[in-house]
Amino acid sequence: PQTARKRLRHLDVLFDGRLADPGFRFEALLAL
């Protein structure tokens, strides 16, 4: 879990807080 937390914090920084935006999450899932 600590590894996951570290990665999730890194993702939050990389995506500039957009992980909370449902529209962004939808687009990111499509892109992945």
PDB file of all heavy atoms in Angstrom:
ATOM      1  N   PRO A   1       0.809  -1.236   0.000  1.00  0.00           N
ATOM      2  CA  PRO A   1       0.000   0.000   0.000  1.00  0.00           C
ATOM      3  C   PRO A   1       0.839   1.282   0.000  1.00  0.00           C
ATOM      4  O   PRO A   1       0.452   2.272  -0.627  1.00  0.00           O
ATOM      5  CB  PRO A   1      -0.833  -0.114   1.273  1.00  0.00           C
ATOM      6  CG  PRO A   1      -0.946  -1.575   1.512  1.00  0.00           C
ATOM      7  CD  PRO A   1       0.363  -2.162   1.049  1.00  0.00           C
ATOM      8  N   GLN A   2       1.991   1.261   0.682  1.00  0.00           N
ATOM      9  CA  GLN A   2       2.822   2.470   0.686  1.00  0.00           C
ATOM     10  C   GLN A   2       3.388   2.754  -0.706  1.00  0.00           C
ATOM     11  O   GLN A   2       3.494   3.908  -1.108  1.00  0.00           O
ATOM     12  CB  GLN A   2       3.960   2.335   1.708  1.00  0.00           C
ATOM     13  CG  GLN A   2       4.733   3.614   1.918  1.00  0.00           C
ATOM     14  CD  GLN A   2       3.847   4.788   2.334  1.00  0.00           C
ATOM     15  OE1 GLN A   2       2.877   4.637   3.070  1.00  0.00           O
ATOM     16  NE2 GLN A   2       4.162   5.969   1.845  1.00  0.00           N
ATOM     17  N   THR A   3       3.714   1.696  -1.442  1.00  0.00           N
ATOM     18  CA  THR A   3       4.173   1.871  -2.827  1.00  0.00           C
ATOM     19  C   THR A   3       3.056   2.462  -3.671  1.00  0.00           C
ATOM     20  O   THR A   3       3.285   3.373  -4.480  1.00  0.00           O
ATOM     21  CB  THR A   3       4.634   0.518  -3.415  1.00  0.00           C
ATOM     22  OG1 THR A   3       5.664  -0.015  -2.592  1.00  0.00           O
ATOM     23  CG2 THR A   3       5.140   0.673  -4.832  1.00  0.00           C
ATOM     24  N   ALA A   4       1.846   1.967  -3.458  1.00  0.00           N
ATOM     25  CA  ALA A   4       0.693   2.513  -4.194  1.00  0.00           C
ATOM     26  C   ALA A   4       0.490   3.984  -3.841  1.00  0.00           C
ATOM     27  O   ALA A   4       0.242   4.810  -4.726  1.00  0.00           O
ATOM     28  CB  ALA A   4      -0.563   1.708  -3.876  1.00  0.00           C
ATOM     29  N   ARG A   5       0.588   4.333  -2.559  1.00  0.00           N
ATOM     30  CA  ARG A   5       0.418   5.731  -2.141  1.00  0.00           C
ATOM     31  C   ARG A   5       1.457   6.627  -2.820  1.00  0.00           C
ATOM     32  O   ARG A   5       1.141   7.719  -3.294  1.00  0.00           O
ATOM     33  CB  ARG A   5       0.546   5.861  -0.628  1.00  0.00           C
ATOM     34  CG  ARG A   5      -0.678   5.474   0.120  1.00  0.00           C
ATOM     35  CD  ARG A   5      -0.537   5.743   1.629  1.00  0.00           C
ATOM     36  NE  ARG A   5      -1.553   5.007   2.334  1.00  0.00           N
ATOM     37  CZ  ARG A   5      -1.440   3.760   2.774  1.00  0.00           C
ATOM     38  NH1 ARG A   5      -0.303   3.102   2.609  1.00  0.00           N
ATOM     39  NH2 ARG A   5      -2.432   3.165   3.394  1.00  0.00           N
ATOM     40  N   LYS A   6       2.693   6.150  -2.860  1.00  0.00           N
ATOM     41  CA  LYS A   6       3.763   6.932  -3.488  1.00  0.00           C
ATOM     42  C   LYS A   6       3.464   7.159  -4.967  1.00  0.00           C
ATOM     43  O   LYS A   6       3.590   8.271  -5.479  1.00  0.00           O
ATOM     44  CB  LYS A   6       5.100   6.203  -3.317  1.00  0.00           C
ATOM     45  CG  LYS A   6       6.287   6.916  -3.902  1.00  0.00           C
ATOM     46  CD  LYS A   6       7.558   6.120  -3.690  1.00  0.00           C
ATOM     47  CE  LYS A   6       8.720   6.775  -4.407  1.00  0.00           C
ATOM     48  NZ  LYS A   6       9.946   5.977  -4.293  1.00  0.00           N
ATOM     49  N   ARG A   7       3.060   6.101  -5.652  1.00  0.00           N
ATOM     50  CA  ARG A   7       2.730   6.230  -7.081  1.00  0.00           C
ATOM     51  C   ARG A   7       1.526   7.150  -7.285  1.00  0.00           C
ATOM     52  O   ARG A   7       1.502   7.954  -8.220  1.00  0.00           O
ATOM     53  CB  ARG A   7       2.440   4.865  -7.689  1.00  0.00           C
ATOM     54  CG  ARG A   7       3.659   3.983  -7.834  1.00  0.00           C
ATOM     55  CD  ARG A   7       3.283   2.703  -8.540  1.00  0.00           C
ATOM     56  NE  ARG A   7       4.322   1.705  -8.491  1.00  0.00           N
ATOM     57  CZ  ARG A   7       4.183   0.483  -8.990  1.00  0.00           C
ATOM     58  NH1 ARG A   7       3.048   0.126  -9.573  1.00  0.00           N
ATOM     59  NH2 ARG A   7       5.166  -0.370  -8.911  1.00  0.00           N
ATOM     60  N   LEU A   8       0.512   7.016  -6.430  1.00  0.00           N
ATOM     61  CA  LEU A   8      -0.684   7.848  -6.566  1.00  0.00           C
ATOM     62  C   LEU A   8      -0.355   9.319  -6.339  1.00  0.00           C
ATOM     63  O   LEU A   8      -0.889  10.198  -7.037  1.00  0.00           O
ATOM     64  CB  LEU A   8      -1.781   7.371  -5.613  1.00  0.00           C
ATOM     65  CG  LEU A   8      -2.381   6.006  -5.957  1.00  0.00           C
ATOM     66  CD1 LEU A   8      -3.316   5.540  -4.842  1.00  0.00           C
ATOM     67  CD2 LEU A   8      -3.105   6.051  -7.293  1.00  0.00           C
ATOM     68  N   ARG A   9       0.520   9.611  -5.391  1.00  0.00           N
ATOM     69  CA  ARG A   9       0.941  11.008  -5.177  1.00  0.00           C
ATOM     70  C   ARG A   9       1.681  11.523  -6.406  1.00  0.00           C
ATOM     71  O   ARG A   9       1.476  12.659  -6.834  1.00  0.00           O
ATOM     72  CB  ARG A   9       1.827  11.118  -3.932  1.00  0.00           C
ATOM     73  CG  ARG A   9       1.056  11.103  -2.636  1.00  0.00           C
ATOM     74  CD  ARG A   9       1.924  11.518  -1.453  1.00  0.00           C
ATOM     75  NE  ARG A   9       3.083  10.652  -1.245  1.00  0.00           N
ATOM     76  CZ  ARG A   9       3.087   9.560  -0.486  1.00  0.00           C
ATOM     77  NH1 ARG A   9       1.997   9.202   0.178  1.00  0.00           N
ATOM     78  NH2 ARG A   9       4.190   8.839  -0.350  1.00  0.00           N
ATOM     79  N   HIS A  10       2.540  10.665  -6.969  1.00  0.00           N
ATOM     80  CA  HIS A  10       3.277  11.058  -8.174  1.00  0.00           C
ATOM     81  C   HIS A  10       2.302  11.340  -9.326  1.00  0.00           C
ATOM     82  O   HIS A  10       2.455  12.331 -10.051  1.00  0.00           O
ATOM     83  CB  HIS A  10       4.276   9.964  -8.545  1.00  0.00           C
ATOM     84  CG  HIS A  10       5.282  10.379  -9.560  1.00  0.00           C
ATOM     85  ND1 HIS A  10       6.295   9.572  -9.975  1.00  0.00           N
ATOM     86  CD2 HIS A  10       5.440  11.519 -10.267  1.00  0.00           C
ATOM     87  CE1 HIS A  10       7.017  10.183 -10.896  1.00  0.00           C
ATOM     88  NE2 HIS A  10       6.514  11.368 -11.087  1.00  0.00           N
ATOM     89  N   LEU A  11       1.311  10.471  -9.489  1.00  0.00           N
ATOM     90  CA  LEU A  11       0.307  10.686 -10.543  1.00  0.00           C
ATOM     91  C   LEU A  11      -0.461  11.980 -10.315  1.00  0.00           C
ATOM     92  O   LEU A  11      -0.743  12.722 -11.264  1.00  0.00           O
ATOM     93  CB  LEU A  11      -0.660   9.503 -10.602  1.00  0.00           C
ATOM     94  CG  LEU A  11      -0.110   8.215 -11.217  1.00  0.00           C
ATOM     95  CD1 LEU A  11      -1.063   7.053 -10.959  1.00  0.00           C
ATOM     96  CD2 LEU A  11       0.152   8.390 -12.702  1.00  0.00           C
ATOM     97  N   ASP A  12      -0.809  12.270  -9.062  1.00  0.00           N
ATOM     98  CA  ASP A  12      -1.551  13.490  -8.763  1.00  0.00           C
ATOM     99  C   ASP A  12      -0.738  14.723  -9.143  1.00  0.00           C
ATOM    100  O   ASP A  12      -1.278  15.684  -9.702  1.00  0.00           O
ATOM    101  CB  ASP A  12      -1.934  13.519  -7.283  1.00  0.00           C
ATOM    102  CG  ASP A  12      -2.992  14.567  -7.000  1.00  0.00           C
ATOM    103  OD1 ASP A  12      -3.985  14.630  -7.768  1.00  0.00           O
ATOM    104  OD2 ASP A  12      -2.834  15.325  -6.021  1.00  0.00           O
ATOM    105  N   VAL A  13       0.570  14.674  -8.888  1.00  0.00           N
ATOM    106  CA  VAL A  13       1.437  15.796  -9.266  1.00  0.00           C
ATOM    107  C   VAL A  13       1.543  15.881 -10.791  1.00  0.00           C
ATOM    108  O   VAL A  13       1.401  16.964 -11.370  1.00  0.00           O
ATOM    109  CB  VAL A  13       2.833  15.647  -8.621  1.00  0.00           C
ATOM    110  CG1 VAL A  13       3.820  16.632  -9.212  1.00  0.00           C
ATOM    111  CG2 VAL A  13       2.741  15.818  -7.107  1.00  0.00           C
ATOM    112  N   LEU A  14       1.794  14.745 -11.438  1.00  0.00           N
ATOM    113  CA  LEU A  14       1.940  14.740 -12.901  1.00  0.00           C
ATOM    114  C   LEU A  14       0.694  15.270 -13.600  1.00  0.00           C
ATOM    115  O   LEU A  14       0.790  15.999 -14.587  1.00  0.00           O
ATOM    116  CB  LEU A  14       2.231  13.324 -13.408  1.00  0.00           C
ATOM    117  CG  LEU A  14       3.651  12.816 -13.265  1.00  0.00           C
ATOM    118  CD1 LEU A  14       3.722  11.351 -13.662  1.00  0.00           C
ATOM    119  CD2 LEU A  14       4.609  13.631 -14.120  1.00  0.00           C
ATOM    120  N   PHE A  15      -0.467  14.879 -13.096  1.00  0.00           N
ATOM    121  CA  PHE A  15      -1.715  15.275 -13.748  1.00  0.00           C
ATOM    122  C   PHE A  15      -2.327  16.517 -13.112  1.00  0.00           C
ATOM    123  O   PHE A  15      -3.478  16.853 -13.387  1.00  0.00           O
ATOM    124  CB  PHE A  15      -2.706  14.108 -13.757  1.00  0.00           C
ATOM    125  CG  PHE A  15      -2.277  12.992 -14.666  1.00  0.00           C
ATOM    126  CD1 PHE A  15      -1.858  11.784 -14.158  1.00  0.00           C
ATOM    127  CD2 PHE A  15      -2.276  13.164 -16.043  1.00  0.00           C
ATOM    128  CE1 PHE A  15      -1.450  10.755 -14.989  1.00  0.00           C
ATOM    129  CE2 PHE A  15      -1.872  12.149 -16.892  1.00  0.00           C
ATOM    130  CZ  PHE A  15      -1.455  10.946 -16.366  1.00  0.00           C
ATOM    131  N   ASP A  16      -1.555  17.192 -12.291  1.00  0.00           N
ATOM    132  CA  ASP A  16      -1.926  18.500 -11.740  1.00  0.00           C
ATOM    133  C   ASP A  16      -3.311  18.497 -11.085  1.00  0.00           C
ATOM    134  O   ASP A  16      -4.127  19.384 -11.322  1.00  0.00           O
ATOM    135  CB  ASP A  16      -1.849  19.558 -12.848  1.00  0.00           C
ATOM    136  CG  ASP A  16      -1.805  20.967 -12.305  1.00  0.00           C
ATOM    137  OD1 ASP A  16      -1.335  21.155 -11.165  1.00  0.00           O
ATOM    138  OD2 ASP A  16      -2.252  21.883 -13.022  1.00  0.00           O
ATOM    139  N   GLY A  17      -3.585  17.457 -10.297  1.00  0.00           N
ATOM    140  CA  GLY A  17      -4.834  17.392  -9.554  1.00  0.00           C
ATOM    141  C   GLY A  17      -6.066  17.012 -10.373  1.00  0.00           C
ATOM    142  O   GLY A  17      -7.177  16.987  -9.846  1.00  0.00           O
ATOM    143  N   ARG A  18      -5.880  16.696 -11.653  1.00  0.00           N
ATOM    144  CA  ARG A  18      -7.040  16.388 -12.505  1.00  0.00           C
ATOM    145  C   ARG A  18      -7.634  15.011 -12.260  1.00  0.00           C
ATOM    146  O   ARG A  18      -8.680  14.674 -12.811  1.00  0.00           O
ATOM    147  CB  ARG A  18      -6.665  16.519 -13.988  1.00  0.00           C
ATOM    148  CG  ARG A  18      -6.367  17.958 -14.378  1.00  0.00           C
ATOM    149  CD  ARG A  18      -6.002  18.088 -15.828  1.00  0.00           C
ATOM    150  NE  ARG A  18      -4.746  17.370 -16.061  1.00  0.00           N
ATOM    151  CZ  ARG A  18      -4.321  16.986 -17.252  1.00  0.00           C
ATOM    152  NH1 ARG A  18      -5.034  17.207 -18.321  1.00  0.00           N
ATOM    153  NH2 ARG A  18      -3.170  16.357 -17.388  1.00  0.00           N
ATOM    154  N   LEU A  19      -6.997  14.187 -11.414  1.00  0.00           N
ATOM    155  CA  LEU A  19      -7.525  12.843 -11.151  1.00  0.00           C
ATOM    156  C   LEU A  19      -8.886  12.881 -10.458  1.00  0.00           C
ATOM    157  O   LEU A  19      -9.614  11.895 -10.480  1.00  0.00           O
ATOM    158  CB  LEU A  19      -6.531  12.036 -10.309  1.00  0.00           C
ATOM    159  CG  LEU A  19      -5.221  11.685 -11.008  1.00  0.00           C
ATOM    160  CD1 LEU A  19      -4.274  10.994 -10.041  1.00  0.00           C
ATOM    161  CD2 LEU A  19      -5.476  10.815 -12.219  1.00  0.00           C
ATOM    162  N   ALA A  20      -9.239  13.997  -9.884  1.00  0.00           N
ATOM    163  CA  ALA A  20     -10.549  14.139  -9.236  1.00  0.00           C
ATOM    164  C   ALA A  20     -11.639  14.521 -10.231  1.00  0.00           C
ATOM    165  O   ALA A  20     -12.822  14.461  -9.902  1.00  0.00           O
ATOM    166  CB  ALA A  20     -10.471  15.185  -8.124  1.00  0.00           C
ATOM    167  N   ASP A  21     -11.274  14.887 -11.447  1.00  0.00           N
ATOM    168  CA  ASP A  21     -12.228  15.318 -12.467  1.00  0.00           C
ATOM    169  C   ASP A  21     -12.774  14.101 -13.218  1.00  0.00           C
ATOM    170  O   ASP A  21     -12.008  13.397 -13.887  1.00  0.00           O
ATOM    171  CB  ASP A  21     -11.532  16.270 -13.436  1.00  0.00           C
ATOM    172  CG  ASP A  21     -12.385  16.680 -14.614  1.00  0.00           C
ATOM    173  OD1 ASP A  21     -13.620  16.530 -14.551  1.00  0.00           O
ATOM    174  OD2 ASP A  21     -11.806  17.162 -15.620  1.00  0.00           O
ATOM    175  N   PRO A  22     -14.098  13.844 -13.126  1.00  0.00           N
ATOM    176  CA  PRO A  22     -14.664  12.669 -13.813  1.00  0.00           C
ATOM    177  C   PRO A  22     -14.412  12.680 -15.323  1.00  0.00           C
ATOM    178  O   PRO A  22     -14.164  11.627 -15.911  1.00  0.00           O
ATOM    179  CB  PRO A  22     -16.155  12.764 -13.518  1.00  0.00           C
ATOM    180  CG  PRO A  22     -16.260  13.628 -12.316  1.00  0.00           C
ATOM    181  CD  PRO A  22     -15.094  14.574 -12.366  1.00  0.00           C
ATOM    182  N   GLY A  23     -14.451  13.834 -15.947  1.00  0.00           N
ATOM    183  CA  GLY A  23     -14.188  13.916 -17.386  1.00  0.00           C
ATOM    184  C   GLY A  23     -12.773  13.493 -17.726  1.00  0.00           C
ATOM    185  O   GLY A  23     -12.546  12.760 -18.691  1.00  0.00           O
ATOM    186  N   PHE A  24     -11.819  13.950 -16.931  1.00  0.00           N
ATOM    187  CA  PHE A  24     -10.436  13.550 -17.156  1.00  0.00           C
ATOM    188  C   PHE A  24     -10.265  12.058 -16.933  1.00  0.00           C
ATOM    189  O   PHE A  24      -9.578  11.382 -17.714  1.00  0.00           O
ATOM    190  CB  PHE A  24      -9.476  14.322 -16.248  1.00  0.00           C
ATOM    191  CG  PHE A  24      -8.061  13.829 -16.367  1.00  0.00           C
ATOM    192  CD1 PHE A  24      -7.271  14.212 -17.438  1.00  0.00           C
ATOM    193  CD2 PHE A  24      -7.543  12.939 -15.441  1.00  0.00           C
ATOM    194  CE1 PHE A  24      -5.987  13.728 -17.572  1.00  0.00           C
ATOM    195  CE2 PHE A  24      -6.250  12.447 -15.568  1.00  0.00           C
ATOM    196  CZ  PHE A  24      -5.470  12.850 -16.638  1.00  0.00           C
ATOM    197  N   ARG A  25     -10.871  11.523 -15.880  1.00  0.00           N
ATOM    198  CA  ARG A  25     -10.745  10.092 -15.599  1.00  0.00           C
ATOM    199  C   ARG A  25     -11.295   9.271 -16.760  1.00  0.00           C
ATOM    200  O   ARG A  25     -10.707   8.266 -17.153  1.00  0.00           O
ATOM    201  CB  ARG A  25     -11.455   9.732 -14.292  1.00  0.00           C
ATOM    202  CG  ARG A  25     -10.718  10.249 -13.072  1.00  0.00           C
ATOM    203  CD  ARG A  25     -11.191   9.610 -11.780  1.00  0.00           C
ATOM    204  NE  ARG A  25     -12.623   9.532 -11.630  1.00  0.00           N
ATOM    205  CZ  ARG A  25     -13.384  10.445 -11.028  1.00  0.00           C
ATOM    206  NH1 ARG A  25     -12.820  11.512 -10.497  1.00  0.00           N
ATOM    207  NH2 ARG A  25     -14.677  10.271 -10.924  1.00  0.00           N
ATOM    208  N   PHE A  26     -12.426   9.695 -17.326  1.00  0.00           N
ATOM    209  CA  PHE A  26     -13.010   9.001 -18.473  1.00  0.00           C
ATOM    210  C   PHE A  26     -12.036   9.025 -19.659  1.00  0.00           C
ATOM    211  O   PHE A  26     -11.764   7.992 -20.273  1.00  0.00           O
ATOM    212  CB  PHE A  26     -14.342   9.642 -18.844  1.00  0.00           C
ATOM    213  CG  PHE A  26     -14.971   9.080 -20.084  1.00  0.00           C
ATOM    214  CD1 PHE A  26     -15.526   7.807 -20.079  1.00  0.00           C
ATOM    215  CD2 PHE A  26     -14.998   9.809 -21.258  1.00  0.00           C
ATOM    216  CE1 PHE A  26     -16.101   7.281 -21.226  1.00  0.00           C
ATOM    217  CE2 PHE A  26     -15.566   9.293 -22.401  1.00  0.00           C
ATOM    218  CZ  PHE A  26     -16.123   8.027 -22.385  1.00  0.00           C
ATOM    219  N   GLU A  27     -11.512  10.201 -19.966  1.00  0.00           N
ATOM    220  CA  GLU A  27     -10.571  10.308 -21.091  1.00  0.00           C
ATOM    221  C   GLU A  27      -9.307   9.491 -20.842  1.00  0.00           C
ATOM    222  O   GLU A  27      -8.784   8.854 -21.757  1.00  0.00           O
ATOM    223  CB  GLU A  27     -10.210  11.776 -21.335  1.00  0.00           C
ATOM    224  CG  GLU A  27     -11.327  12.571 -21.960  1.00  0.00           C
ATOM    225  CD  GLU A  27     -10.927  14.005 -22.251  1.00  0.00           C
ATOM    226  OE1 GLU A  27      -9.793  14.418 -21.909  1.00  0.00           O
ATOM    227  OE2 GLU A  27     -11.754  14.724 -22.820  1.00  0.00           O
ATOM    228  N   ALA A  28      -8.814   9.519 -19.613  1.00  0.00           N
ATOM    229  CA  ALA A  28      -7.599   8.762 -19.295  1.00  0.00           C
ATOM    230  C   ALA A  28      -7.836   7.268 -19.448  1.00  0.00           C
ATOM    231  O   ALA A  28      -6.978   6.546 -19.970  1.00  0.00           O
ATOM    232  CB  ALA A  28      -7.127   9.093 -17.877  1.00  0.00           C
ATOM    233  N   LEU A  29      -8.995   6.798 -19.018  1.00  0.00           N
ATOM    234  CA  LEU A  29      -9.302   5.379 -19.149  1.00  0.00           C
ATOM    235  C   LEU A  29      -9.417   4.988 -20.623  1.00  0.00           C
ATOM    236  O   LEU A  29      -8.897   3.951 -21.042  1.00  0.00           O
ATOM    237  CB  LEU A  29     -10.590   5.037 -18.395  1.00  0.00           C
ATOM    238  CG  LEU A  29     -10.880   3.568 -18.184  1.00  0.00           C
ATOM    239  CD1 LEU A  29      -9.711   2.849 -17.527  1.00  0.00           C
ATOM    240  CD2 LEU A  29     -12.120   3.410 -17.333  1.00  0.00           C
ATOM    241  N   LEU A  30     -10.061   5.818 -21.432  1.00  0.00           N
ATOM    242  CA  LEU A  30     -10.120   5.557 -22.876  1.00  0.00           C
ATOM    243  C   LEU A  30      -8.726   5.533 -23.478  1.00  0.00           C
ATOM    244  O   LEU A  30      -8.405   4.669 -24.295  1.00  0.00           O
ATOM    245  CB  LEU A  30     -10.955   6.631 -23.581  1.00  0.00           C
ATOM    246  CG  LEU A  30     -12.461   6.515 -23.501  1.00  0.00           C
ATOM    247  CD1 LEU A  30     -13.112   7.703 -24.202  1.00  0.00           C
ATOM    248  CD2 LEU A  30     -12.944   5.226 -24.122  1.00  0.00           C
ATOM    249  N   ALA A  31      -7.903   6.493 -23.086  1.00  0.00           N
ATOM    250  CA  ALA A  31      -6.549   6.580 -23.640  1.00  0.00           C
ATOM    251  C   ALA A  31      -5.726   5.359 -23.237  1.00  0.00           C
ATOM    252  O   ALA A  31      -5.004   4.794 -24.065  1.00  0.00           O
ATOM    253  CB  ALA A  31      -5.873   7.859 -23.166  1.00  0.00           C
ATOM    254  N   LEU A  32      -5.835   4.933 -21.991  1.00  0.00           N
ATOM    255  CA  LEU A  32      -5.097   3.744 -21.548  1.00  0.00           C
ATOM    256  C   LEU A  32      -5.551   2.509 -22.302  1.00  0.00           C
ATOM    257  O   LEU A  32      -4.739   1.684 -22.723  1.00  0.00           O
ATOM    258  CB  LEU A  32      -5.287   3.539 -20.036  1.00  0.00           C
ATOM    259  CG  LEU A  32      -4.536   4.513 -19.133  1.00  0.00           C
ATOM    260  CD1 LEU A  32      -5.067   4.427 -17.712  1.00  0.00           C
ATOM    261  CD2 LEU A  32      -3.043   4.229 -19.173  1.00  0.00           C
TER     262      LEU A  32
END
